[in-house]
N, C-alpha and C. Protein backbone atom coordinates (compact mmCIF):
# COMPACT_ATOMS: atom_id res chain seq x y z
N MET A 1 96.12 70.78 108.71
CA MET A 1 95.60 71.79 108.04
C MET A 1 95.79 71.66 106.32
N THR A 2 96.68 71.35 106.39
CA THR A 2 96.80 70.63 104.73
C THR A 2 95.76 70.05 104.28
N ASP A 3 94.78 69.11 104.97
CA ASP A 3 93.91 68.56 104.03
C ASP A 3 92.48 69.52 103.73
N GLU A 4 92.54 70.65 104.84
CA GLU A 4 91.52 71.56 104.39
C GLU A 4 91.75 72.35 102.99
N SER A 5 90.46 72.49 102.45
CA SER A 5 90.32 73.31 100.98
C SER A 5 90.74 74.83 101.27
N HIS A 6 91.26 75.13 100.08
CA HIS A 6 91.97 76.65 100.29
C HIS A 6 92.10 77.12 98.92
N ASP A 7 92.02 78.39 98.63
CA ASP A 7 92.24 79.33 97.45
C ASP A 7 93.82 79.42 97.22
N GLU A 8 93.98 79.53 96.05
CA GLU A 8 95.35 79.89 95.33
C GLU A 8 95.28 81.34 94.65
N ILE A 9 95.88 82.17 95.06
CA ILE A 9 96.47 83.62 94.84
C ILE A 9 97.58 83.50 94.13
N SER A 10 97.91 84.00 92.86
CA SER A 10 99.09 84.36 91.89
C SER A 10 99.61 85.83 92.20
N ILE A 11 100.88 86.02 93.18
CA ILE A 11 101.21 87.20 93.51
C ILE A 11 101.90 88.19 92.54
N GLY A 12 102.44 87.48 91.43
CA GLY A 12 103.11 87.63 89.95
C GLY A 12 104.41 88.00 90.50
N GLY A 13 104.99 87.39 91.38
CA GLY A 13 106.48 88.04 91.73
C GLY A 13 106.71 86.78 92.91
N GLU A 14 108.14 87.06 93.51
CA GLU A 14 108.50 85.90 94.52
C GLU A 14 107.84 86.37 96.09
N MET A 15 107.44 87.40 96.44
CA MET A 15 107.06 87.73 97.62
C MET A 15 105.93 88.88 97.75
N ILE A 16 105.40 88.86 98.77
CA ILE A 16 104.46 90.15 98.84
C ILE A 16 104.22 89.80 100.45
N ARG A 17 104.05 91.37 100.99
CA ARG A 17 103.83 91.44 102.72
C ARG A 17 102.48 91.10 102.92
N LEU A 18 102.63 90.67 104.47
CA LEU A 18 101.39 89.90 104.53
C LEU A 18 100.14 91.17 104.25
N GLY A 19 100.20 92.13 104.93
CA GLY A 19 99.38 93.14 104.96
C GLY A 19 98.63 93.35 103.34
N GLN A 20 99.72 93.53 102.52
CA GLN A 20 99.58 93.77 101.06
C GLN A 20 98.35 92.51 100.78
N PHE A 21 99.04 91.22 100.93
CA PHE A 21 98.27 89.94 100.34
C PHE A 21 96.79 90.17 101.17
N LEU A 22 96.47 90.44 102.30
CA LEU A 22 95.32 90.81 102.69
C LEU A 22 94.40 91.43 101.65
N LYS A 23 94.81 92.34 101.45
CA LYS A 23 94.15 93.41 100.47
C LYS A 23 93.88 92.85 99.12
N TYR A 24 95.26 92.21 98.49
CA TYR A 24 95.07 91.73 97.00
C TYR A 24 94.32 90.71 96.90
N SER A 25 94.32 89.79 98.17
CA SER A 25 93.54 88.67 97.95
C SER A 25 91.83 88.52 98.71
N GLY A 26 91.68 89.74 98.32
CA GLY A 26 90.20 90.20 98.71
C GLY A 26 89.75 89.91 99.96
N LEU A 27 90.83 89.04 101.00
CA LEU A 27 90.24 88.82 102.26
C LEU A 27 89.76 89.95 103.11
N LEU A 28 90.45 91.26 102.70
CA LEU A 28 89.80 92.96 103.48
C LEU A 28 90.16 93.51 102.55
N ASP A 29 89.05 94.72 102.77
CA ASP A 29 89.23 95.49 101.52
C ASP A 29 90.24 96.71 101.73
N SER A 30 90.93 97.14 102.89
CA SER A 30 91.86 98.32 103.33
C SER A 30 93.21 97.62 103.69
N GLY A 31 94.09 98.61 103.85
CA GLY A 31 95.21 98.46 104.59
C GLY A 31 94.75 98.61 106.29
N GLY A 32 93.90 99.83 106.61
CA GLY A 32 93.71 99.73 107.45
C GLY A 32 93.14 98.24 108.35
N ASP A 33 92.09 97.89 107.73
CA ASP A 33 91.56 96.91 108.56
C ASP A 33 92.80 95.62 108.43
N ALA A 34 93.74 95.70 107.62
CA ALA A 34 94.39 94.33 107.71
C ALA A 34 95.55 94.89 108.78
N LYS A 35 96.00 95.69 108.88
CA LYS A 35 96.54 96.14 110.05
C LYS A 35 95.86 95.86 111.52
N GLU A 36 94.51 96.16 111.57
CA GLU A 36 93.86 95.92 112.86
C GLU A 36 93.80 94.45 113.09
N VAL A 37 93.71 93.87 112.28
CA VAL A 37 93.11 92.55 111.97
C VAL A 37 94.85 91.53 112.34
N ILE A 38 95.85 91.91 111.97
CA ILE A 38 96.83 91.55 111.93
C ILE A 38 97.60 91.52 113.85
N ILE A 39 97.07 92.87 114.09
CA ILE A 39 97.70 93.19 115.24
C ILE A 39 96.83 92.76 116.38
N ASP A 40 95.76 92.30 116.22
CA ASP A 40 94.72 91.78 117.07
C ASP A 40 94.82 90.10 117.03
N GLY A 41 95.47 89.72 115.99
CA GLY A 41 95.79 88.30 116.03
C GLY A 41 95.25 87.39 115.27
N PHE A 42 94.15 87.98 114.51
CA PHE A 42 93.31 87.01 114.00
C PHE A 42 93.51 86.57 112.67
N VAL A 43 94.87 86.68 112.24
CA VAL A 43 95.56 86.28 111.24
C VAL A 43 96.65 84.95 111.18
N SER A 44 96.44 83.97 110.65
CA SER A 44 97.66 82.73 111.29
C SER A 44 98.52 82.62 109.64
N VAL A 45 99.85 82.78 109.50
CA VAL A 45 100.46 81.97 108.35
C VAL A 45 101.09 80.58 108.67
N ASN A 46 100.64 79.61 107.51
CA ASN A 46 101.22 78.50 108.11
C ASN A 46 100.77 77.90 109.41
N GLY A 47 99.71 78.15 110.22
CA GLY A 47 99.28 77.66 111.02
C GLY A 47 99.79 78.33 112.28
N GLU A 48 100.47 79.51 112.53
CA GLU A 48 100.75 80.05 113.54
C GLU A 48 100.41 81.97 113.42
N VAL A 49 99.82 82.03 114.64
CA VAL A 49 99.87 83.40 114.45
C VAL A 49 100.58 84.30 114.02
N GLU A 50 100.21 85.24 113.13
CA GLU A 50 101.37 86.09 113.02
C GLU A 50 100.72 87.70 113.11
N ARG A 51 101.60 88.48 113.64
CA ARG A 51 101.34 89.87 114.40
C ARG A 51 101.83 90.79 113.58
N ARG A 52 102.69 90.68 112.34
CA ARG A 52 103.77 91.48 111.77
C ARG A 52 103.42 91.61 110.45
N ARG A 53 102.52 93.10 109.88
CA ARG A 53 101.98 93.30 108.66
C ARG A 53 102.98 93.50 107.66
N GLY A 54 104.28 93.34 107.98
CA GLY A 54 105.57 93.60 107.11
C GLY A 54 106.06 91.80 106.75
N ARG A 55 105.57 90.82 107.51
CA ARG A 55 106.10 89.39 107.41
C ARG A 55 105.80 89.29 105.79
N GLN A 56 106.93 88.79 105.32
CA GLN A 56 107.01 88.55 103.80
C GLN A 56 106.55 86.96 103.63
N LEU A 57 105.82 87.10 102.62
CA LEU A 57 104.93 86.02 102.27
C LEU A 57 105.76 85.05 100.78
N ARG A 58 105.69 84.10 101.02
CA ARG A 58 106.46 83.24 99.88
C ARG A 58 105.76 82.29 99.50
N ASP A 59 106.16 81.62 98.05
CA ASP A 59 105.24 80.63 97.80
C ASP A 59 105.31 79.44 98.46
N GLY A 60 103.75 79.11 98.74
CA GLY A 60 103.55 78.12 99.45
C GLY A 60 103.02 78.16 100.70
N ASP A 61 103.23 79.73 101.15
CA ASP A 61 102.66 80.24 102.36
C ASP A 61 101.03 79.81 102.27
N LEU A 62 100.87 79.67 103.57
CA LEU A 62 98.95 79.51 103.42
C LEU A 62 98.69 80.61 105.03
N VAL A 63 97.89 81.38 104.32
CA VAL A 63 97.17 82.43 105.23
C VAL A 63 95.78 82.22 105.66
N ALA A 64 95.47 82.29 106.56
CA ALA A 64 94.21 81.74 107.27
C ALA A 64 93.78 83.18 108.28
N PHE A 65 92.23 83.58 107.77
CA PHE A 65 91.81 84.74 108.30
C PHE A 65 90.31 84.67 108.21
N ASP A 66 89.60 84.89 109.35
CA ASP A 66 87.94 84.61 109.34
C ASP A 66 87.21 83.29 108.48
N GLY A 67 87.68 82.07 108.73
CA GLY A 67 87.42 81.22 108.43
C GLY A 67 87.81 80.56 106.64
N ARG A 68 88.60 81.60 105.75
CA ARG A 68 88.98 81.31 104.95
C ARG A 68 90.66 80.91 104.84
N MET A 69 91.21 80.05 104.23
CA MET A 69 92.45 80.28 103.87
C MET A 69 93.09 80.10 102.42
N VAL A 70 93.85 81.07 102.35
CA VAL A 70 94.51 81.24 100.94
C VAL A 70 96.03 80.63 100.74
N ARG A 71 96.57 80.09 99.58
CA ARG A 71 97.60 79.80 99.39
C ARG A 71 98.17 80.54 98.47
N VAL A 72 99.91 81.02 98.66
CA VAL A 72 100.46 82.20 97.97
C VAL A 72 100.94 81.35 96.89
N ARG A 73 101.10 81.71 95.68
CA ARG A 73 101.38 81.19 94.46
C ARG A 73 102.39 82.38 93.76
N PRO A 74 103.29 82.20 93.06
CA PRO A 74 104.24 83.19 92.65
C PRO A 74 103.28 83.35 91.16
């Protein structure tokens, strides 16, 4: 997975929650949408399906959804 291309999004801090990041990065438009896709298992973090909306993301984490991958940067 590390060989595939991805965008990098600066979060302006040390951590951000997964649901917030999906909105902030533009992968989704609303928190309600984020909650649904996370619970349904459509989002992965560092190659593993993540079902916790409150998962804390840090520098270097790679979030994948709907064919896009985005790396978290401070």
